[in-house]
Amino acid sequence: MKVPSLVAVALFLWPAAAPADDTSPRLAALEESLKAGGDTTPFWREVAGTGTPLIETLPGRDHEVRVTFLWQAENPRDEVNVSVVGPFNEDDAPATRRLTPLAGSDVRYRSYTVDRAARFTYSLAWPAGRVAHPDAIRRHSWDGLSHELFADPRCRKSIVGVFFDENAAYSLFEGPDAPPEPWLGARDGVPKGRVRRQTHRSAILGNTRDVDVYLPPGYDERGKGYPFVVLFDGNSYLRSAALPTQLDNLIADGAIPPLVAFLVGRIDREHRNRELPPNPEFARFVAEELMPVLRREYRLSAAPAQAVIGGASYGALAATAIAQRYPQVFGSVLSQSGSFWWQPGFVLPEDDAFRQQVGWLPRTFASGPRLPLRFYVEVGKAEGANMVLPNRFFRDVLTARGYAVVYREFGGGHEYVSWRDGLARGLIALLGPGRREPRPGGGLERR
């Protein structure tokens, strides 16, 4: 199969957000009011009631909205030093992230055009050392300065994000058409599963990690084998994706059958970067060491199609590579923002030219034998060409080779606030009623 260059097609990938090309009508009206001798008190009273950011429609652009981020300066004469940081501008020049003053007032603002269906987290930031912000979640450097990032105090919603930063509070933006998340919240009267934590020592890897286990309501140790899912970066799925609550609701609604979930923990960033990119020893640990133990301890289905392996980012890359190596163990792959740009020899350099080459793993599916696997693959429109294009390429490879694949691009970035919705969608696609399964002799079979 001829493989296209990502660089050649990158021009056809539209960004998910861009600086707004016109002024917010609400701010334009405020500016006129200030020129006429008014002040900002009514404006800030209004903002306190509606929350931030401002959301305004764009005439003639049905799929986008103008989003304006705000900050109230303690002193209108303060130097402009507050920025907004999110997936919509993380690759922009630092100066373009800064909020600008409105007509010499205490209003600081920055507007962007975003998809109406977008959902993402963001933070405000100022240079570290100015004043320690009580809600600072982490520090980040740009323009040669260290910055404190913190939640927007007027934001409508906030969430706790667990990726590498534990207990980090982020502001949450949801566009008017952001997809509903019907399984995210706990419901009264829905039977609850239980989560237990156990520790596994690996002789293959020479290390120890936690594995959290979700058991569905009414789990029967003597019953038939349960479908199951293995997910990497387990603590993040447990907390940031509300996995136990989502599974309880999905099972109660009949969207998926009762299943067991194994959330494989990461040791630290260094181990994660070494283990999750296609690593034969880590694959051996999962398939030949961990799974036999779990099968002895829990009632699990022997059918590979009912064994889902998945993850996000490097976790999706690992899940895909392990299923490719062990299709007799895992027959279904749940890939969320898979790092399919990766190639052997990549050691996290800041090398965009390297990252923009089509990844090694999709190529192996293009050239290798077709396997009895099926896929749910998704990626965020705000993740940039380095992520979106390799995922599109992988989708095209799978489709051309006759794999059962469900593909989705969501209106968000590289974060669990996007992946929590995709987790439910992926499990429904792979295990729910009406799913498509590969036939041993080729083709698809609907169940």
Protein backbone atom coordinates (compact mmCIF):
# COMPACT_ATOMS: atom_id res chain seq x y z
CA MET A 1 0.00 0.00 0.00
CA LYS A 2 1.37 3.40 -0.97
CA VAL A 3 1.69 5.63 2.11
CA PRO A 4 1.00 9.36 1.66
CA SER A 5 3.16 12.01 3.28
CA LEU A 6 1.50 13.81 6.16
CA VAL A 7 3.33 16.97 5.22
CA ALA A 8 1.69 16.88 1.78
CA VAL A 9 -1.81 16.78 3.19
CA ALA A 10 -1.35 18.93 6.30
CA LEU A 11 -2.71 21.99 4.53
CA PHE A 12 -6.13 20.35 4.41
CA LEU A 13 -6.43 20.10 8.21
CA TRP A 14 -8.37 23.06 9.54
CA PRO A 15 -7.51 24.25 13.06
CA ALA A 16 -10.16 23.72 15.74
CA ALA A 17 -9.82 27.29 17.01
CA ALA A 18 -8.42 30.57 15.80
CA PRO A 19 -8.23 34.14 17.03
CA ALA A 20 -11.58 35.78 16.37
CA ASP A 21 -11.56 37.93 13.26
CA ASP A 22 -13.98 40.51 14.64
CA THR A 23 -14.81 42.16 17.94
CA SER A 24 -17.20 40.74 20.48
CA PRO A 25 -20.48 42.71 20.20
CA ARG A 26 -20.80 42.62 23.98
CA LEU A 27 -17.36 44.16 24.45
CA ALA A 28 -17.96 46.66 21.66
CA ALA A 29 -21.10 47.83 23.49
CA LEU A 30 -19.15 48.05 26.74
CA GLU A 31 -16.46 50.12 25.03
CA GLU A 32 -19.08 52.57 23.75
CA SER A 33 -20.53 52.79 27.26
CA LEU A 34 -17.09 53.56 28.71
CA LYS A 35 -16.53 56.29 26.14
CA ALA A 36 -19.83 57.82 27.22
CA GLY A 37 -18.66 57.97 30.84
CA GLY A 38 -19.94 54.64 32.12
CA ASP A 39 -17.98 52.11 34.18
CA THR A 40 -17.54 48.34 34.17
CA THR A 41 -19.58 47.58 37.31
CA PRO A 42 -22.75 46.46 35.44
CA PHE A 43 -20.64 44.36 33.06
CA TRP A 44 -18.90 42.46 35.84
CA ARG A 45 -22.23 42.00 37.63
CA GLU A 46 -23.60 40.45 34.43
CA VAL A 47 -20.55 38.22 34.04
CA ALA A 48 -20.89 37.04 37.65
CA GLY A 49 -24.38 35.82 36.76
CA THR A 50 -23.60 34.15 33.44
CA GLY A 51 -20.08 32.87 34.10
CA THR A 52 -17.11 32.89 31.77
CA PRO A 53 -16.08 32.76 29.01
CA LEU A 54 -18.53 34.83 26.98
CA ILE A 55 -20.15 32.82 24.16
CA GLU A 56 -21.57 34.65 21.14
CA THR A 57 -22.97 33.47 17.82
CA LEU A 58 -21.27 34.28 14.53
CA PRO A 59 -23.60 35.37 11.70
CA GLY A 60 -23.41 33.01 8.75
CA ARG A 61 -21.19 30.51 10.60
CA ASP A 62 -23.55 27.91 11.98
CA HIS A 63 -20.88 25.55 13.30
CA GLU A 64 -18.77 28.05 15.23
CA VAL A 65 -19.08 30.49 18.11
CA ARG A 66 -16.97 33.35 19.40
CA VAL A 67 -15.53 32.61 22.84
CA THR A 68 -14.09 35.49 24.89
CA PHE A 69 -11.97 34.83 27.97
CA LEU A 70 -12.00 37.51 30.67
CA TRP A 71 -10.02 38.74 33.65
CA GLN A 72 -10.70 41.68 35.97
CA ALA A 73 -7.54 43.63 36.74
CA GLU A 74 -7.15 44.91 40.27
CA ASN A 75 -5.77 48.13 38.82
CA PRO A 76 -6.65 49.24 35.28
CA ARG A 77 -3.09 50.52 34.90
CA ASP A 78 -1.57 47.11 35.69
CA GLU A 79 0.79 45.72 33.08
CA VAL A 80 -0.91 43.15 30.86
CA ASN A 81 0.38 39.85 32.23
CA VAL A 82 -2.58 37.44 32.36
CA SER A 83 -2.81 34.75 29.65
CA VAL A 84 -5.26 32.02 28.70
CA VAL A 85 -3.91 28.54 27.95
CA GLY A 86 -5.86 25.65 26.42
CA PRO A 87 -5.83 23.12 23.59
CA PHE A 88 -7.07 25.83 21.22
CA ASN A 89 -3.87 27.91 21.52
CA GLU A 90 -1.14 25.76 23.04
CA ASP A 91 0.92 25.95 19.85
CA ASP A 92 0.46 29.71 19.42
CA ALA A 93 3.16 32.30 20.06
CA PRO A 94 3.11 33.23 23.77
CA ALA A 95 2.30 36.87 23.07
CA THR A 96 -0.96 35.90 21.34
CA ARG A 97 -2.20 34.14 24.48
CA ARG A 98 -2.15 37.32 26.56
CA LEU A 99 -5.38 39.06 27.43
CA THR A 100 -5.52 42.65 26.24
CA PRO A 101 -7.04 45.70 28.01
CA LEU A 102 -10.34 47.18 26.87
CA ALA A 103 -10.31 50.97 26.55
CA GLY A 104 -8.12 51.55 29.60
CA SER A 105 -10.61 49.76 31.88
CA ASP A 106 -10.14 46.84 34.28
CA VAL A 107 -11.37 44.41 31.59
CA ARG A 108 -8.80 42.07 30.05
CA TYR A 109 -9.96 39.83 27.20
CA ARG A 110 -8.97 37.49 24.37
CA SER A 111 -11.43 36.08 21.81
CA TYR A 112 -11.25 32.88 19.76
CA THR A 113 -13.48 31.19 17.22
CA VAL A 114 -14.23 27.58 18.19
CA ASP A 115 -16.47 24.73 17.10
CA ARG A 116 -19.96 24.83 18.63
CA ALA A 117 -19.49 21.20 19.67
CA ALA A 118 -16.18 21.82 21.44
CA ARG A 119 -15.49 20.67 24.99
CA PHE A 120 -12.10 21.41 26.56
CA THR A 121 -10.33 22.55 29.70
CA TYR A 122 -8.30 25.71 30.02
CA SER A 123 -6.34 27.70 32.58
CA LEU A 124 -5.41 31.30 33.23
CA ALA A 125 -1.78 32.14 33.89
CA TRP A 126 0.50 34.89 35.07
CA PRO A 127 4.27 35.09 35.69
CA ALA A 128 5.33 33.15 38.77
CA GLY A 129 6.41 35.31 41.67
CA ARG A 130 3.99 38.14 40.93
CA VAL A 131 1.66 36.91 43.67
CA ALA A 132 1.28 33.26 44.58
CA HIS A 133 -2.18 32.33 43.35
CA PRO A 134 -4.04 30.19 45.92
CA ASP A 135 -5.47 27.96 43.19
CA ALA A 136 -2.31 27.56 41.10
CA ILE A 137 -2.26 24.02 39.68
CA ARG A 138 1.19 23.88 38.15
CA ARG A 139 3.98 25.91 36.62
CA HIS A 140 4.88 26.17 32.97
CA SER A 141 7.59 28.17 31.19
CA TRP A 142 7.44 30.26 28.03
CA ASP A 143 9.09 33.48 26.87
CA GLY A 144 11.91 32.65 29.28
CA LEU A 145 9.57 33.08 32.27
CA SER A 146 7.97 30.62 34.66
CA HIS A 147 4.18 30.99 34.85
CA GLU A 148 1.60 29.89 37.41
CA LEU A 149 -1.49 28.31 35.85
CA PHE A 150 -4.78 28.44 37.73
CA ALA A 151 -8.52 27.97 37.20
CA ASP A 152 -10.67 30.82 35.92
CA PRO A 153 -12.52 32.05 39.06
CA ARG A 154 -15.66 32.98 37.08
CA CYS A 155 -15.84 29.85 34.90
CA ARG A 156 -19.20 28.06 34.75
CA LYS A 157 -17.67 24.66 35.48
CA SER A 158 -14.42 23.16 36.67
CA ILE A 159 -13.11 19.62 36.86
CA VAL A 160 -10.24 17.75 38.47
CA GLY A 161 -7.86 16.41 35.84
CA VAL A 162 -5.56 13.48 36.49
CA PHE A 163 -2.94 12.87 33.82
CA PHE A 164 0.49 13.66 35.15
CA ASP A 165 -0.73 16.35 37.58
CA GLU A 166 -2.59 14.85 40.50
CA ASN A 167 -5.65 16.73 41.82
CA ALA A 168 -5.28 19.57 39.30
CA ALA A 169 -8.33 21.85 38.98
CA TYR A 170 -9.09 23.03 35.45
CA SER A 171 -11.75 25.33 34.06
CA LEU A 172 -14.17 23.61 31.68
CA PHE A 173 -15.63 25.07 28.48
CA GLU A 174 -18.58 23.44 26.75
CA GLY A 175 -19.92 24.79 23.48
CA PRO A 176 -23.67 25.06 22.85
CA ASP A 177 -23.60 21.82 20.85
CA ALA A 178 -21.14 19.87 23.00
CA PRO A 179 -22.26 16.23 22.90
CA PRO A 180 -24.29 15.06 25.90
CA GLU A 181 -22.61 12.75 28.39
CA PRO A 182 -25.61 10.76 29.61
CA TRP A 183 -23.63 8.19 31.58
CA LEU A 184 -21.25 10.52 33.42
CA GLY A 185 -23.26 11.41 36.53
CA ALA A 186 -24.24 9.07 39.35
CA ARG A 187 -27.94 8.13 39.29
CA ASP A 188 -30.21 7.24 42.16
CA GLY A 189 -31.40 3.67 42.09
CA VAL A 190 -28.72 2.37 39.72
CA PRO A 191 -26.90 -0.67 41.14
CA LYS A 192 -23.26 0.11 41.85
CA GLY A 193 -20.26 -1.99 40.93
CA ARG A 194 -17.23 -2.17 43.18
CA VAL A 195 -13.59 -1.30 42.70
CA ARG A 196 -10.72 -3.11 44.36
CA ARG A 197 -7.01 -2.40 44.10
CA GLN A 198 -4.36 -5.07 43.83
CA THR A 199 -0.63 -5.06 43.21
CA HIS A 200 1.18 -7.03 40.53
CA ARG A 201 4.89 -7.80 40.51
CA SER A 202 6.34 -8.41 37.04
CA ALA A 203 9.25 -10.78 36.64
CA ILE A 204 9.49 -9.75 32.97
CA LEU A 205 9.76 -6.01 33.67
CA GLY A 206 11.30 -6.21 37.12
CA ASN A 207 8.82 -3.76 38.65
CA THR A 208 5.54 -3.54 40.55
CA ARG A 209 2.37 -1.62 39.76
CA ASP A 210 -1.20 -1.23 40.95
CA VAL A 211 -4.16 -2.57 39.01
CA ASP A 212 -7.63 -1.32 39.92
CA VAL A 213 -10.40 -3.82 39.17
CA TYR A 214 -14.03 -2.86 38.52
CA LEU A 215 -16.53 -5.66 39.15
CA PRO A 216 -20.08 -5.09 37.84
CA PRO A 217 -23.18 -5.15 40.05
CA GLY A 218 -24.12 -8.73 40.86
CA TYR A 219 -20.74 -10.11 39.79
CA ASP A 220 -20.98 -13.91 40.02
CA GLU A 221 -17.73 -15.74 40.71
CA ARG A 222 -19.29 -19.00 39.50
CA GLY A 223 -21.15 -17.67 36.48
CA LYS A 224 -20.16 -17.57 32.84
CA GLY A 225 -17.15 -15.56 31.77
CA TYR A 226 -17.60 -11.78 31.64
CA PRO A 227 -16.47 -9.51 28.81
CA PHE A 228 -13.62 -7.32 30.01
CA VAL A 229 -11.55 -4.26 29.18
CA VAL A 230 -7.90 -3.55 30.02
CA LEU A 231 -6.98 0.14 30.10
CA PHE A 232 -3.61 1.80 30.62
CA ASP A 233 -3.07 4.93 32.77
CA GLY A 234 -5.66 3.37 35.03
CA ASN A 235 -5.82 6.03 37.75
CA SER A 236 -6.66 8.68 35.16
CA TYR A 237 -9.56 6.64 33.78
CA LEU A 238 -10.73 5.89 37.30
CA ARG A 239 -10.86 9.53 38.36
CA SER A 240 -10.92 11.80 35.30
CA ALA A 241 -13.20 9.59 33.19
CA ALA A 242 -15.46 8.53 36.11
CA LEU A 243 -15.14 4.96 34.86
CA PRO A 244 -17.05 3.16 37.66
CA THR A 245 -20.04 5.52 37.39
CA GLN A 246 -20.11 5.35 33.60
CA LEU A 247 -19.96 1.56 33.61
CA ASP A 248 -22.75 1.35 36.22
CA ASN A 249 -25.00 3.52 34.04
CA LEU A 250 -24.09 1.87 30.74
CA ILE A 251 -24.83 -1.56 32.19
CA ALA A 252 -28.10 -0.37 33.78
CA ASP A 253 -29.22 1.05 30.41
CA GLY A 254 -28.34 -2.15 28.56
CA ALA A 255 -25.89 -0.24 26.37
CA ILE A 256 -23.16 -2.76 27.24
CA PRO A 257 -23.26 -6.13 28.99
CA PRO A 258 -21.96 -6.44 32.56
CA LEU A 259 -18.17 -6.42 32.26
CA VAL A 260 -14.99 -6.41 34.31
CA ALA A 261 -12.49 -3.57 33.90
CA PHE A 262 -8.78 -3.75 34.70
CA LEU A 263 -7.11 -0.35 35.08
CA VAL A 264 -3.37 -0.86 34.77
CA GLY A 265 -1.49 1.83 36.69
CA ARG A 266 1.59 3.70 35.57
CA ILE A 267 4.65 3.79 37.80
CA ASP A 268 5.93 7.20 36.76
CA ARG A 269 6.51 9.27 33.63
CA GLU A 270 9.86 7.64 32.86
CA HIS A 271 8.44 4.11 33.00
CA ARG A 272 5.41 5.17 30.97
CA ASN A 273 7.54 6.64 28.18
CA ARG A 274 9.59 3.45 28.05
CA GLU A 275 6.81 0.86 28.40
CA LEU A 276 3.84 2.15 26.40
CA PRO A 277 5.42 2.93 23.00
CA PRO A 278 5.49 -0.49 21.27
CA ASN A 279 7.65 -2.49 23.64
CA PRO A 280 7.75 -6.30 23.22
CA GLU A 281 8.62 -6.84 26.89
CA PHE A 282 5.68 -4.77 28.09
CA ALA A 283 3.43 -6.63 25.65
CA ARG A 284 4.73 -9.92 27.09
CA PHE A 285 3.99 -8.67 30.60
CA VAL A 286 0.38 -7.85 29.73
CA ALA A 287 -0.47 -10.90 27.62
CA GLU A 288 1.71 -13.63 29.12
CA GLU A 289 2.09 -12.57 32.75
CA LEU A 290 -0.75 -10.29 33.84
CA MET A 291 -3.65 -11.84 31.91
CA PRO A 292 -3.09 -15.41 33.15
CA VAL A 293 -3.19 -14.12 36.73
CA LEU A 294 -6.37 -12.14 36.10
CA ARG A 295 -8.02 -15.11 34.41
CA ARG A 296 -7.30 -17.27 37.46
CA GLU A 297 -8.75 -14.67 39.81
CA TYR A 298 -11.83 -13.54 37.85
CA ARG A 299 -14.52 -15.05 35.64
CA LEU A 300 -13.56 -13.78 32.18
CA SER A 301 -14.79 -14.65 28.71
CA ALA A 302 -12.45 -16.79 26.62
CA ALA A 303 -13.63 -15.12 23.38
CA PRO A 304 -11.03 -12.62 22.09
CA ALA A 305 -13.81 -10.41 20.65
CA GLN A 306 -15.04 -9.85 24.21
CA ALA A 307 -11.56 -8.82 25.39
CA VAL A 308 -11.00 -5.08 24.84
CA ILE A 309 -7.64 -3.45 25.29
CA GLY A 310 -7.41 0.32 25.21
CA GLY A 311 -5.96 3.59 26.35
CA ALA A 312 -5.27 7.19 25.44
CA SER A 313 -2.23 8.76 23.76
CA TYR A 314 0.73 6.40 24.35
CA GLY A 315 -1.80 4.08 26.04
CA ALA A 316 -3.72 3.74 22.76
CA LEU A 317 -0.46 3.11 20.90
CA ALA A 318 0.42 0.35 23.38
CA ALA A 319 -3.04 -1.21 23.21
CA THR A 320 -2.94 -1.36 19.40
CA ALA A 321 0.54 -2.88 19.33
CA ILE A 322 -0.33 -5.49 21.96
CA ALA A 323 -3.51 -6.54 20.17
CA GLN A 324 -1.53 -6.84 16.94
CA ARG A 325 1.02 -9.09 18.67
CA TYR A 326 -1.57 -11.09 20.65
CA PRO A 327 -4.87 -11.17 18.68
CA GLN A 328 -5.65 -14.53 20.30
CA VAL A 329 -5.83 -12.67 23.65
CA PHE A 330 -7.38 -9.31 22.69
CA GLY A 331 -9.78 -9.03 19.77
CA SER A 332 -11.00 -5.45 20.28
CA VAL A 333 -9.03 -2.18 20.49
CA LEU A 334 -10.27 1.09 22.01
CA SER A 335 -7.90 3.80 20.77
CA GLN A 336 -8.28 7.37 22.08
CA SER A 337 -5.95 9.94 20.49
CA GLY A 338 -3.40 7.27 19.68
CA SER A 339 0.16 8.52 19.21
CA PHE A 340 0.42 6.94 15.78
CA TRP A 341 3.10 9.42 14.70
CA TRP A 342 5.55 7.36 16.80
CA GLN A 343 8.42 5.45 15.21
CA PRO A 344 11.15 3.23 16.68
CA GLY A 345 14.05 5.36 17.82
CA PHE A 346 11.89 8.28 18.92
CA VAL A 347 13.17 9.58 22.27
CA LEU A 348 10.89 12.58 22.88
CA PRO A 349 12.85 15.21 20.92
CA GLU A 350 11.15 18.44 19.96
CA ASP A 351 11.39 17.39 16.33
CA ASP A 352 8.23 18.31 14.42
CA ALA A 353 9.62 17.09 11.11
CA PHE A 354 10.11 13.64 12.65
CA ARG A 355 6.63 13.66 14.20
CA GLN A 356 4.96 14.60 10.92
CA GLN A 357 5.96 11.38 9.20
CA VAL A 358 3.32 8.69 9.00
CA GLY A 359 3.85 6.39 11.98
CA TRP A 360 5.43 3.02 11.97
CA LEU A 361 2.55 1.08 13.54
CA PRO A 362 -0.12 1.96 10.92
CA ARG A 363 2.38 0.91 8.27
CA THR A 364 2.70 -2.54 9.83
CA PHE A 365 -1.08 -2.98 9.56
CA ALA A 366 -0.87 -1.93 5.91
CA SER A 367 1.81 -4.47 5.06
CA GLY A 368 1.08 -7.31 7.48
CA PRO A 369 -1.58 -10.03 7.47
CA ARG A 370 -5.15 -9.06 8.30
CA LEU A 371 -5.92 -10.07 11.88
CA PRO A 372 -9.21 -10.93 13.63
CA LEU A 373 -9.37 -7.50 15.30
CA ARG A 374 -11.91 -4.69 15.42
CA PHE A 375 -11.34 -1.07 16.40
CA TYR A 376 -12.82 2.07 17.87
CA VAL A 377 -10.49 4.97 16.92
CA GLU A 378 -10.97 8.62 17.87
CA VAL A 379 -8.93 11.81 17.92
CA GLY A 380 -9.60 15.48 18.76
CA LYS A 381 -9.90 18.21 16.15
CA ALA A 382 -7.88 20.52 18.43
CA GLU A 383 -4.93 18.11 18.67
CA GLY A 384 -3.19 19.37 15.55
CA ALA A 385 -1.92 17.74 12.39
CA ASN A 386 0.67 15.62 14.23
CA MET A 387 -2.16 13.74 15.93
CA VAL A 388 -5.14 14.00 13.57
CA LEU A 389 -3.42 13.03 10.33
CA PRO A 390 -1.78 9.81 11.61
CA ASN A 391 -5.13 8.75 13.10
CA ARG A 392 -6.89 9.42 9.80
CA PHE A 393 -4.20 7.46 8.03
CA PHE A 394 -4.62 4.55 10.45
CA ARG A 395 -8.40 4.63 9.87
CA ASP A 396 -7.84 4.51 6.11
CA VAL A 397 -5.40 1.61 6.42
CA LEU A 398 -7.82 -0.38 8.58
CA THR A 399 -10.74 0.32 6.25
CA ALA A 400 -8.74 -0.63 3.16
CA ARG A 401 -7.67 -3.89 4.78
CA GLY A 402 -11.27 -4.82 5.69
CA TYR A 403 -11.13 -4.33 9.46
CA ALA A 404 -14.25 -3.45 11.42
CA VAL A 405 -13.53 0.11 12.55
CA VAL A 406 -15.59 2.93 14.06
CA TYR A 407 -13.84 6.29 13.65
CA ARG A 408 -14.68 9.62 15.31
CA GLU A 409 -13.21 13.11 15.52
CA PHE A 410 -14.38 15.04 18.57
CA GLY A 411 -14.35 18.76 19.24
CA GLY A 412 -11.64 18.84 21.86
CA GLY A 413 -8.01 18.31 22.75
CA HIS A 414 -5.62 15.77 24.21
CA GLU A 415 -7.28 15.32 27.59
CA TYR A 416 -9.63 13.14 29.60
CA VAL A 417 -12.50 15.60 29.43
CA SER A 418 -12.70 14.47 25.79
CA TRP A 419 -11.80 10.86 26.35
CA ARG A 420 -14.38 10.24 29.09
CA ASP A 421 -17.18 10.55 26.49
CA GLY A 422 -15.20 8.48 23.98
CA LEU A 423 -14.74 5.73 26.56
CA ALA A 424 -18.49 5.14 26.68
CA ARG A 425 -18.85 5.42 22.90
CA GLY A 426 -15.98 3.00 22.35
CA LEU A 427 -17.32 0.34 24.72
CA ILE A 428 -20.75 0.55 23.10
CA ALA A 429 -19.20 0.21 19.64
CA LEU A 430 -17.08 -2.78 20.65
CA LEU A 431 -19.33 -4.63 23.11
CA GLY A 432 -22.83 -3.20 22.77
CA PRO A 433 -25.83 -4.56 20.85
CA GLY A 434 -25.50 -4.36 17.07
CA ARG A 435 -21.70 -4.36 17.09
CA ARG A 436 -19.81 -5.70 14.10
CA GLU A 437 -17.46 -8.66 14.56
CA PRO A 438 -14.81 -10.06 12.22
CA ARG A 439 -15.59 -13.41 10.65
CA PRO A 440 -12.82 -16.01 10.77
CA GLY A 441 -12.84 -16.21 6.96
CA GLY A 442 -13.07 -12.47 6.35
CA GLY A 443 -15.85 -9.92 6.12
CA LEU A 444 -18.05 -8.63 8.93
CA GLU A 445 -20.80 -10.21 10.93
CA ARG A 446 -23.43 -8.14 12.77
CA ARG A 447 -24.53 -9.35 16.17
